[in-house]
């Protein structure tokens, strides 16, 4: 089972811990089922609002409860930024087209303002991009740069993703 679920998310939920563990196990089993054809690009649809709604509460609660950044959730924020900024090719009416290191393109679909934001920052350094994303109050309803060590940690994580790949980056925090 994924360490992040047990160490970062479940302890912060105001629900029965055993029920949370059972639910997490069921989700994990579903995503590991080779007979279910997961459409990953469909799952990524509107990731900005999904990260805010699904991850942000656990992220902030963990910081409040333990006084430190949750490593895997912080890495997930860097992964979100990496996904939306990976070699941006063009802005199309229905999405933002990026290119994977292997050369194939993928289209991100989200609210136009989010796609326009990333397109406007396509030439930023990792540090400048992270600072801009974390400071975007339209995304998060607050300036996340104010959270101690977050900007530096997400920048380091984003650079690791870009240099070594997402699997190596996650391996460093799990």
Protein backbone atom coordinates (compact mmCIF):
# COMPACT_ATOMS: atom_id res chain seq x y z
CA UNK A 1 0.00 0.00 0.00
CA UNK A 2 1.15 3.50 -0.74
CA UNK A 3 3.05 5.03 2.18
CA UNK A 4 1.61 8.48 1.41
CA UNK A 5 -1.95 7.33 2.11
CA UNK A 6 -1.05 6.02 5.53
CA UNK A 7 1.51 8.58 6.64
CA UNK A 8 0.18 11.82 5.18
CA UNK A 9 -3.48 11.64 4.28
CA UNK A 10 -5.24 9.19 6.60
CA UNK A 11 -3.90 10.70 9.86
CA UNK A 12 -5.34 14.09 8.84
CA UNK A 13 -8.84 12.92 7.99
CA UNK A 14 -11.52 13.38 10.67
CA UNK A 15 -12.94 9.94 9.88
CA UNK A 16 -12.66 6.42 11.24
CA UNK A 17 -9.08 5.36 10.46
CA UNK A 18 -10.00 1.74 9.68
CA UNK A 19 -12.65 2.88 7.19
CA UNK A 20 -10.07 5.18 5.57
CA UNK A 21 -7.56 2.32 5.30
CA UNK A 22 -10.18 0.04 3.74
CA UNK A 23 -11.19 2.72 1.25
CA UNK A 24 -7.53 3.42 0.37
CA UNK A 25 -6.91 -0.30 -0.16
CA UNK A 26 -9.94 -0.54 -2.47
CA UNK A 27 -8.77 2.44 -4.54
CA UNK A 28 -5.25 1.01 -4.72
CA UNK A 29 -6.60 -2.39 -5.85
CA UNK A 30 -8.74 -0.74 -8.53
CA UNK A 31 -5.81 1.14 -10.01
CA UNK A 32 -3.69 -2.00 -9.97
CA UNK A 33 -6.36 -4.03 -11.75
CA UNK A 34 -4.93 -4.90 -15.19
CA UNK A 35 -8.45 -5.43 -16.56
CA UNK A 36 -9.51 -1.82 -15.98
CA UNK A 37 -8.46 0.47 -18.83
CA UNK A 38 -7.59 3.71 -17.06
CA UNK A 39 -7.72 6.71 -19.37
CA UNK A 40 -5.01 8.74 -17.66
CA UNK A 41 -5.50 11.89 -19.74
CA UNK A 42 -9.19 11.83 -18.80
CA UNK A 43 -8.23 11.46 -15.15
CA UNK A 44 -5.99 14.55 -15.43
CA UNK A 45 -8.85 16.71 -16.71
CA UNK A 46 -9.08 19.87 -14.57
CA UNK A 47 -6.16 18.89 -12.34
CA UNK A 48 -5.87 22.41 -10.93
CA UNK A 49 -9.25 22.31 -9.21
CA UNK A 50 -8.79 18.64 -8.34
CA UNK A 51 -5.49 19.28 -6.55
CA UNK A 52 -7.04 22.16 -4.66
CA UNK A 53 -10.17 20.23 -3.67
CA UNK A 54 -8.67 16.80 -3.05
CA UNK A 55 -5.09 17.36 -1.91
CA UNK A 56 -5.00 20.85 -0.42
CA UNK A 57 -7.08 20.07 2.68
CA UNK A 58 -4.86 17.11 3.66
CA UNK A 59 -1.74 19.08 2.73
CA UNK A 60 -2.62 22.04 4.96
CA UNK A 61 -3.93 19.85 7.78
CA UNK A 62 -0.71 17.83 7.81
CA UNK A 63 1.37 21.00 8.07
CA UNK A 64 -0.83 22.30 10.88
CA UNK A 65 -0.81 18.99 12.75
CA UNK A 66 2.87 18.02 12.35
CA UNK A 67 4.60 21.35 11.70
CA UNK A 68 6.37 20.14 8.56
CA UNK A 69 5.71 19.60 4.88
CA UNK A 70 4.20 16.26 3.87
CA UNK A 71 6.87 14.88 1.53
CA UNK A 72 4.71 12.93 -0.90
CA UNK A 73 1.95 15.54 -1.12
CA UNK A 74 4.58 18.23 -1.66
CA UNK A 75 6.06 16.09 -4.44
CA UNK A 76 2.56 15.77 -5.92
CA UNK A 77 2.37 19.55 -6.14
CA UNK A 78 5.69 19.57 -8.01
CA UNK A 79 4.39 16.79 -10.27
CA UNK A 80 1.29 18.84 -11.05
CA UNK A 81 3.52 21.78 -12.03
CA UNK A 82 5.77 19.51 -14.10
CA UNK A 83 2.81 18.02 -15.97
CA UNK A 84 1.45 21.48 -16.85
CA UNK A 85 4.81 22.91 -17.89
CA UNK A 86 6.64 20.08 -19.63
CA UNK A 87 8.07 21.55 -22.84
CA UNK A 88 4.96 23.60 -23.69
CA UNK A 89 4.47 23.63 -27.45
CA UNK A 90 1.36 25.74 -27.99
CA UNK A 91 -1.94 26.92 -26.58
CA UNK A 92 -4.94 25.60 -28.50
CA UNK A 93 -8.58 26.61 -27.96
CA UNK A 94 -9.29 23.36 -26.11
CA UNK A 95 -6.01 22.80 -24.29
CA UNK A 96 -2.32 23.29 -23.68
CA UNK A 97 -0.05 21.06 -25.74
CA UNK A 98 3.12 19.82 -24.06
CA UNK A 99 5.83 17.40 -25.17
CA UNK A 100 7.17 14.44 -23.21
CA UNK A 101 10.92 13.74 -23.18
CA UNK A 102 10.25 10.84 -25.57
CA UNK A 103 8.93 13.38 -28.11
CA UNK A 104 5.22 12.59 -28.10
CA UNK A 105 2.77 15.36 -27.34
CA UNK A 106 -0.11 15.43 -24.90
CA UNK A 107 -2.93 17.92 -24.40
CA UNK A 108 -3.86 19.25 -20.99
CA UNK A 109 -7.46 20.32 -20.55
CA UNK A 110 -8.43 22.63 -17.72
CA UNK A 111 -10.04 26.00 -17.13
CA UNK A 112 -8.82 28.49 -19.73
CA UNK A 113 -7.35 30.80 -17.09
CA UNK A 114 -5.16 27.97 -15.72
CA UNK A 115 -3.92 27.00 -19.17
CA UNK A 116 -3.28 30.65 -20.06
CA UNK A 117 -1.32 31.07 -16.83
CA UNK A 118 1.02 28.17 -17.59
CA UNK A 119 1.40 29.26 -21.21
CA UNK A 120 2.36 32.76 -20.05
CA UNK A 121 5.04 31.22 -17.80
CA UNK A 122 6.36 28.66 -20.30
CA UNK A 123 9.82 30.21 -20.43
CA UNK A 124 10.24 30.64 -16.66
CA UNK A 125 13.01 28.93 -14.75
CA UNK A 126 11.88 26.22 -12.34
CA UNK A 127 12.29 28.60 -9.40
CA UNK A 128 10.34 31.42 -11.06
CA UNK A 129 7.58 29.06 -12.22
CA UNK A 130 7.15 27.53 -8.77
CA UNK A 131 7.02 30.95 -7.15
CA UNK A 132 4.39 32.10 -9.67
CA UNK A 133 2.25 28.96 -9.30
CA UNK A 134 2.37 28.95 -5.51
CA UNK A 135 1.59 32.66 -5.43
CA UNK A 136 -1.43 32.36 -7.73
CA UNK A 137 -4.37 33.13 -5.45
CA UNK A 138 -6.85 32.25 -8.19
CA UNK A 139 -5.53 28.68 -8.02
CA UNK A 140 -5.24 28.27 -4.26
CA UNK A 141 -7.18 31.14 -2.60
CA UNK A 142 -3.94 32.04 -0.81
CA UNK A 143 -0.24 32.61 -1.43
CA UNK A 144 1.36 29.23 -0.77
CA UNK A 145 4.82 30.86 -0.90
CA UNK A 146 4.08 31.96 2.67
CA UNK A 147 4.29 28.35 3.92
CA UNK A 148 7.81 27.91 5.34
CA UNK A 149 10.16 25.94 3.05
CA UNK A 150 7.44 25.14 0.51
CA UNK A 151 8.76 27.22 -2.39
CA UNK A 152 12.27 25.83 -2.03
CA UNK A 153 11.08 22.24 -1.60
CA UNK A 154 8.70 22.30 -4.57
CA UNK A 155 11.44 23.88 -6.71
CA UNK A 156 13.87 21.13 -5.71
CA UNK A 157 11.22 18.47 -6.38
CA UNK A 158 10.35 19.98 -9.78
CA UNK A 159 14.02 20.04 -10.76
CA UNK A 160 14.37 16.40 -9.66
CA UNK A 161 11.35 15.42 -11.78
CA UNK A 162 12.80 17.24 -14.77
CA UNK A 163 16.30 15.79 -14.28
CA UNK A 164 15.59 12.20 -13.19
CA UNK A 165 11.95 11.59 -14.05
CA UNK A 166 8.85 11.29 -11.92
CA UNK A 167 9.47 7.68 -10.82
CA UNK A 168 12.88 8.55 -9.37
CA UNK A 169 11.48 11.71 -7.82
CA UNK A 170 8.69 9.84 -6.05
CA UNK A 171 11.10 7.10 -4.99
CA UNK A 172 13.04 9.80 -3.13
CA UNK A 173 10.06 10.56 -0.88
CA UNK A 174 8.44 7.14 -0.44
